[in-house]
């Protein structure tokens, strides 16, 4: 995670590679929940894929949007369902 400045504006750049909801993902979501409460003008998107999700979302990206001082879970309409949108089913 890095705090950067572009065009006189501060932003947080974060990237992790996780194919399931690990403790690292939970910590990241908690951090961004803190960010939206502290800096209500923040905005952005968090995408992750949990292929072991027990709530029926194992074939879709889970998306969180940050806007207007809140962190919201959204339904992904661009990359989901993972199979067959991005990958073919194994034969």
N, C-alpha and C. Protein backbone atom coordinates (compact mmCIF):
# COMPACT_ATOMS: atom_id res chain seq x y z
N UNK A 1 0.85 -1.16 0.00
CA UNK A 1 0.00 0.00 0.00
C UNK A 1 0.90 1.23 0.00
N UNK A 2 0.56 2.17 -0.86
CA UNK A 2 1.36 3.38 -0.96
C UNK A 2 0.44 4.60 -1.04
N UNK A 3 0.84 5.66 -0.37
CA UNK A 3 0.17 6.94 -0.51
C UNK A 3 0.96 7.72 -1.54
N UNK A 4 0.27 8.19 -2.58
CA UNK A 4 0.93 8.92 -3.67
C UNK A 4 0.22 10.25 -3.90
N UNK A 5 0.89 11.11 -4.64
CA UNK A 5 0.32 12.41 -5.00
C UNK A 5 0.38 12.56 -6.51
N UNK A 6 -0.73 12.91 -7.11
CA UNK A 6 -0.81 13.22 -8.54
C UNK A 6 -1.70 14.44 -8.70
N UNK A 7 -1.23 15.39 -9.48
CA UNK A 7 -1.99 16.62 -9.74
C UNK A 7 -2.44 17.29 -8.44
N UNK A 8 -1.59 17.23 -7.42
CA UNK A 8 -1.89 17.89 -6.16
C UNK A 8 -2.89 17.15 -5.28
N UNK A 9 -3.27 15.93 -5.66
CA UNK A 9 -4.24 15.15 -4.89
C UNK A 9 -3.57 13.89 -4.34
N UNK A 10 -3.87 13.56 -3.10
CA UNK A 10 -3.36 12.34 -2.48
C UNK A 10 -4.28 11.17 -2.80
N UNK A 11 -3.68 10.01 -3.00
CA UNK A 11 -4.47 8.81 -3.19
C UNK A 11 -3.70 7.60 -2.66
N UNK A 12 -4.44 6.54 -2.38
CA UNK A 12 -3.86 5.30 -1.88
C UNK A 12 -3.91 4.28 -3.00
N UNK A 13 -2.75 3.73 -3.30
CA UNK A 13 -2.67 2.69 -4.33
C UNK A 13 -2.41 1.35 -3.63
N UNK A 14 -3.28 0.41 -3.86
CA UNK A 14 -3.19 -0.89 -3.20
C UNK A 14 -3.39 -2.00 -4.21
N UNK A 15 -2.60 -3.03 -4.09
CA UNK A 15 -2.75 -4.18 -4.97
C UNK A 15 -2.32 -5.42 -4.21
N UNK A 16 -3.20 -6.41 -4.17
CA UNK A 16 -2.84 -7.72 -3.64
C UNK A 16 -3.39 -8.75 -4.61
N UNK A 17 -2.82 -9.91 -4.60
CA UNK A 17 -3.34 -10.99 -5.45
C UNK A 17 -3.85 -12.08 -4.52
N UNK A 18 -5.16 -12.21 -4.46
CA UNK A 18 -5.77 -13.20 -3.58
C UNK A 18 -6.96 -13.82 -4.32
N UNK A 19 -7.00 -15.13 -4.38
CA UNK A 19 -8.11 -15.79 -5.07
C UNK A 19 -9.16 -16.28 -4.08
N UNK A 20 -9.09 -15.81 -2.84
CA UNK A 20 -10.12 -16.10 -1.84
C UNK A 20 -10.02 -15.03 -0.75
N UNK A 21 -11.02 -14.99 0.09
CA UNK A 21 -11.07 -13.96 1.12
C UNK A 21 -10.18 -14.36 2.30
N UNK A 22 -8.94 -13.96 2.22
CA UNK A 22 -7.96 -14.25 3.26
C UNK A 22 -8.01 -13.17 4.34
N UNK A 23 -7.23 -13.35 5.39
CA UNK A 23 -7.12 -12.34 6.44
C UNK A 23 -6.61 -11.02 5.86
N UNK A 24 -5.74 -11.11 4.86
CA UNK A 24 -5.22 -9.90 4.21
C UNK A 24 -6.35 -9.12 3.54
N UNK A 25 -7.29 -9.81 2.90
CA UNK A 25 -8.43 -9.14 2.27
C UNK A 25 -9.31 -8.51 3.34
N UNK A 26 -9.57 -9.23 4.42
CA UNK A 26 -10.38 -8.70 5.51
C UNK A 26 -9.74 -7.45 6.10
N UNK A 27 -8.43 -7.47 6.31
CA UNK A 27 -7.71 -6.30 6.82
C UNK A 27 -7.81 -5.12 5.86
N UNK A 28 -7.71 -5.42 4.57
CA UNK A 28 -7.82 -4.35 3.57
C UNK A 28 -9.21 -3.73 3.59
N UNK A 29 -10.25 -4.56 3.65
CA UNK A 29 -11.61 -4.02 3.71
C UNK A 29 -11.82 -3.20 4.99
N UNK A 30 -11.27 -3.66 6.11
CA UNK A 30 -11.36 -2.90 7.36
C UNK A 30 -10.62 -1.57 7.24
N UNK A 31 -9.47 -1.59 6.58
CA UNK A 31 -8.71 -0.35 6.38
C UNK A 31 -9.52 0.64 5.55
N UNK A 32 -10.11 0.17 4.45
CA UNK A 32 -10.88 1.08 3.61
C UNK A 32 -12.16 1.54 4.29
N UNK A 33 -12.73 0.73 5.16
CA UNK A 33 -13.86 1.18 5.97
C UNK A 33 -13.42 2.34 6.86
N UNK A 34 -12.22 2.24 7.44
CA UNK A 34 -11.66 3.33 8.23
C UNK A 34 -11.44 4.57 7.35
N UNK A 35 -10.91 4.37 6.15
CA UNK A 35 -10.64 5.49 5.24
C UNK A 35 -11.92 6.25 4.93
N UNK A 36 -13.01 5.54 4.59
CA UNK A 36 -14.23 6.25 4.22
C UNK A 36 -14.84 7.01 5.40
N UNK A 37 -14.61 6.50 6.61
CA UNK A 37 -15.12 7.21 7.79
C UNK A 37 -14.25 8.43 8.12
N UNK A 38 -12.96 8.35 7.79
CA UNK A 38 -12.02 9.42 8.09
C UNK A 38 -11.97 10.47 6.98
N UNK A 39 -12.04 10.02 5.74
CA UNK A 39 -11.95 10.91 4.58
C UNK A 39 -13.17 10.66 3.70
N UNK A 40 -14.27 11.30 4.06
CA UNK A 40 -15.57 11.00 3.43
C UNK A 40 -15.63 11.32 1.93
N UNK A 41 -14.68 12.08 1.42
CA UNK A 41 -14.66 12.39 -0.01
C UNK A 41 -13.94 11.34 -0.84
N UNK A 42 -13.50 10.26 -0.20
CA UNK A 42 -12.77 9.20 -0.91
C UNK A 42 -13.70 8.42 -1.84
N UNK A 43 -13.10 7.84 -2.88
CA UNK A 43 -13.86 6.99 -3.78
C UNK A 43 -12.93 5.97 -4.42
N UNK A 44 -13.50 4.87 -4.88
CA UNK A 44 -12.70 3.84 -5.53
C UNK A 44 -13.43 2.52 -5.59
N UNK A 45 -12.74 1.50 -6.11
CA UNK A 45 -13.29 0.15 -6.26
C UNK A 45 -12.31 -0.88 -5.73
N UNK A 46 -12.86 -1.93 -5.16
CA UNK A 46 -12.08 -3.09 -4.73
C UNK A 46 -12.73 -4.30 -5.37
N UNK A 47 -11.94 -5.08 -6.09
CA UNK A 47 -12.41 -6.31 -6.74
C UNK A 47 -11.66 -7.49 -6.15
N UNK A 48 -12.38 -8.59 -5.84
CA UNK A 48 -11.68 -9.83 -5.52
C UNK A 48 -12.53 -11.03 -5.89
N UNK A 49 -11.87 -12.13 -6.10
CA UNK A 49 -12.53 -13.39 -6.48
C UNK A 49 -12.25 -14.40 -5.38
N UNK A 50 -13.30 -14.97 -4.81
CA UNK A 50 -13.17 -16.00 -3.78
C UNK A 50 -13.77 -17.29 -4.33
N UNK A 51 -12.91 -18.12 -4.92
CA UNK A 51 -13.41 -19.36 -5.55
C UNK A 51 -13.82 -20.41 -4.52
N UNK A 52 -13.68 -20.08 -3.24
CA UNK A 52 -14.10 -20.99 -2.17
C UNK A 52 -15.25 -20.39 -1.35
N UNK A 53 -15.89 -19.35 -1.87
CA UNK A 53 -16.98 -18.67 -1.16
C UNK A 53 -18.10 -19.65 -0.85
N UNK A 54 -18.56 -19.63 0.39
CA UNK A 54 -19.61 -20.55 0.84
C UNK A 54 -21.01 -19.98 0.67
N UNK A 55 -21.12 -18.75 0.17
CA UNK A 55 -22.41 -18.09 0.02
C UNK A 55 -22.89 -18.03 -1.43
N UNK A 56 -22.35 -18.90 -2.29
CA UNK A 56 -22.80 -18.96 -3.67
C UNK A 56 -22.15 -17.95 -4.60
N UNK A 57 -21.12 -17.25 -4.15
CA UNK A 57 -20.46 -16.25 -4.99
C UNK A 57 -19.10 -16.73 -5.47
N UNK A 58 -18.88 -18.03 -5.50
CA UNK A 58 -17.58 -18.62 -5.86
C UNK A 58 -17.24 -18.44 -7.34
N UNK A 59 -18.22 -18.10 -8.18
CA UNK A 59 -17.99 -17.94 -9.61
C UNK A 59 -18.14 -16.50 -10.06
N UNK A 60 -18.06 -15.57 -9.13
CA UNK A 60 -18.21 -14.17 -9.49
C UNK A 60 -17.25 -13.30 -8.67
N UNK A 61 -16.87 -12.20 -9.26
CA UNK A 61 -16.05 -11.23 -8.54
C UNK A 61 -16.93 -10.52 -7.53
N UNK A 62 -16.35 -10.27 -6.38
CA UNK A 62 -17.03 -9.47 -5.36
C UNK A 62 -16.45 -8.07 -5.45
N UNK A 63 -17.32 -7.10 -5.47
CA UNK A 63 -16.91 -5.72 -5.70
C UNK A 63 -17.38 -4.86 -4.54
N UNK A 64 -16.48 -4.03 -4.07
CA UNK A 64 -16.81 -3.03 -3.05
C UNK A 64 -16.53 -1.67 -3.65
N UNK A 65 -17.51 -0.79 -3.54
CA UNK A 65 -17.29 0.58 -4.01
C UNK A 65 -17.18 1.49 -2.79
N UNK A 66 -16.33 2.49 -2.94
CA UNK A 66 -16.14 3.50 -1.91
C UNK A 66 -16.68 4.79 -2.50
N UNK A 67 -17.72 5.34 -1.86
CA UNK A 67 -18.32 6.57 -2.36
C UNK A 67 -19.14 7.23 -1.25
N UNK A 68 -19.09 8.54 -1.22
CA UNK A 68 -19.89 9.35 -0.30
C UNK A 68 -19.80 8.87 1.14
N UNK A 69 -18.59 8.56 1.59
CA UNK A 69 -18.38 8.20 2.98
C UNK A 69 -18.85 6.82 3.38
N UNK A 70 -19.00 5.91 2.41
CA UNK A 70 -19.45 4.55 2.75
C UNK A 70 -18.78 3.53 1.85
N UNK A 71 -18.68 2.32 2.39
CA UNK A 71 -18.16 1.17 1.66
C UNK A 71 -19.34 0.26 1.37
N UNK A 72 -19.63 0.04 0.07
CA UNK A 72 -20.80 -0.74 -0.33
C UNK A 72 -20.37 -1.97 -1.12
N UNK A 73 -21.03 -3.09 -0.87
CA UNK A 73 -20.80 -4.27 -1.70
C UNK A 73 -21.72 -4.17 -2.91
N UNK A 74 -21.14 -4.42 -4.10
CA UNK A 74 -21.87 -4.29 -5.36
C UNK A 74 -21.85 -5.61 -6.12
N UNK A 75 -22.79 -5.79 -7.02
CA UNK A 75 -22.78 -6.95 -7.91
C UNK A 75 -21.94 -6.60 -9.13
N UNK A 76 -21.03 -7.49 -9.50
CA UNK A 76 -20.17 -7.27 -10.67
C UNK A 76 -20.93 -7.63 -11.94
N UNK A 77 -20.92 -6.71 -12.89
CA UNK A 77 -21.59 -6.95 -14.17
C UNK A 77 -20.61 -6.99 -15.33
N UNK A 78 -19.32 -6.83 -15.05
CA UNK A 78 -18.33 -6.74 -16.12
C UNK A 78 -17.53 -8.03 -16.32
N UNK A 79 -17.10 -8.66 -15.24
CA UNK A 79 -16.21 -9.82 -15.35
C UNK A 79 -16.85 -11.11 -14.84
N UNK A 80 -18.06 -11.05 -14.36
CA UNK A 80 -18.72 -12.22 -13.79
C UNK A 80 -19.88 -12.65 -14.68
N UNK A 81 -20.17 -13.95 -14.68
CA UNK A 81 -19.54 -15.02 -13.93
C UNK A 81 -18.15 -15.33 -14.50
N UNK A 82 -17.25 -15.72 -13.59
CA UNK A 82 -15.87 -16.02 -13.98
C UNK A 82 -15.84 -17.07 -15.09
N UNK A 83 -16.56 -18.18 -14.86
CA UNK A 83 -16.77 -19.19 -15.91
C UNK A 83 -18.14 -18.92 -16.50
N UNK A 84 -18.35 -18.66 -17.72
CA UNK A 84 -17.46 -18.72 -18.87
C UNK A 84 -16.97 -17.35 -19.35
N UNK A 85 -17.24 -16.25 -18.62
CA UNK A 85 -16.84 -14.93 -19.10
C UNK A 85 -15.33 -14.81 -19.31
N UNK A 86 -14.53 -15.29 -18.34
CA UNK A 86 -13.07 -15.16 -18.43
C UNK A 86 -12.37 -16.47 -18.73
N UNK A 87 -12.93 -17.56 -18.29
CA UNK A 87 -12.31 -18.88 -18.48
C UNK A 87 -13.35 -19.84 -19.01
N UNK A 88 -12.87 -20.80 -19.80
CA UNK A 88 -13.74 -21.88 -20.25
C UNK A 88 -13.81 -22.94 -19.16
N UNK A 89 -14.92 -23.65 -19.11
CA UNK A 89 -15.02 -24.77 -18.18
C UNK A 89 -14.03 -25.85 -18.60
N UNK A 90 -13.43 -26.53 -17.61
CA UNK A 90 -12.52 -27.62 -17.93
C UNK A 90 -13.30 -28.77 -18.54
N UNK A 91 -12.68 -29.43 -19.49
CA UNK A 91 -13.36 -30.55 -20.15
C UNK A 91 -12.96 -31.85 -19.56
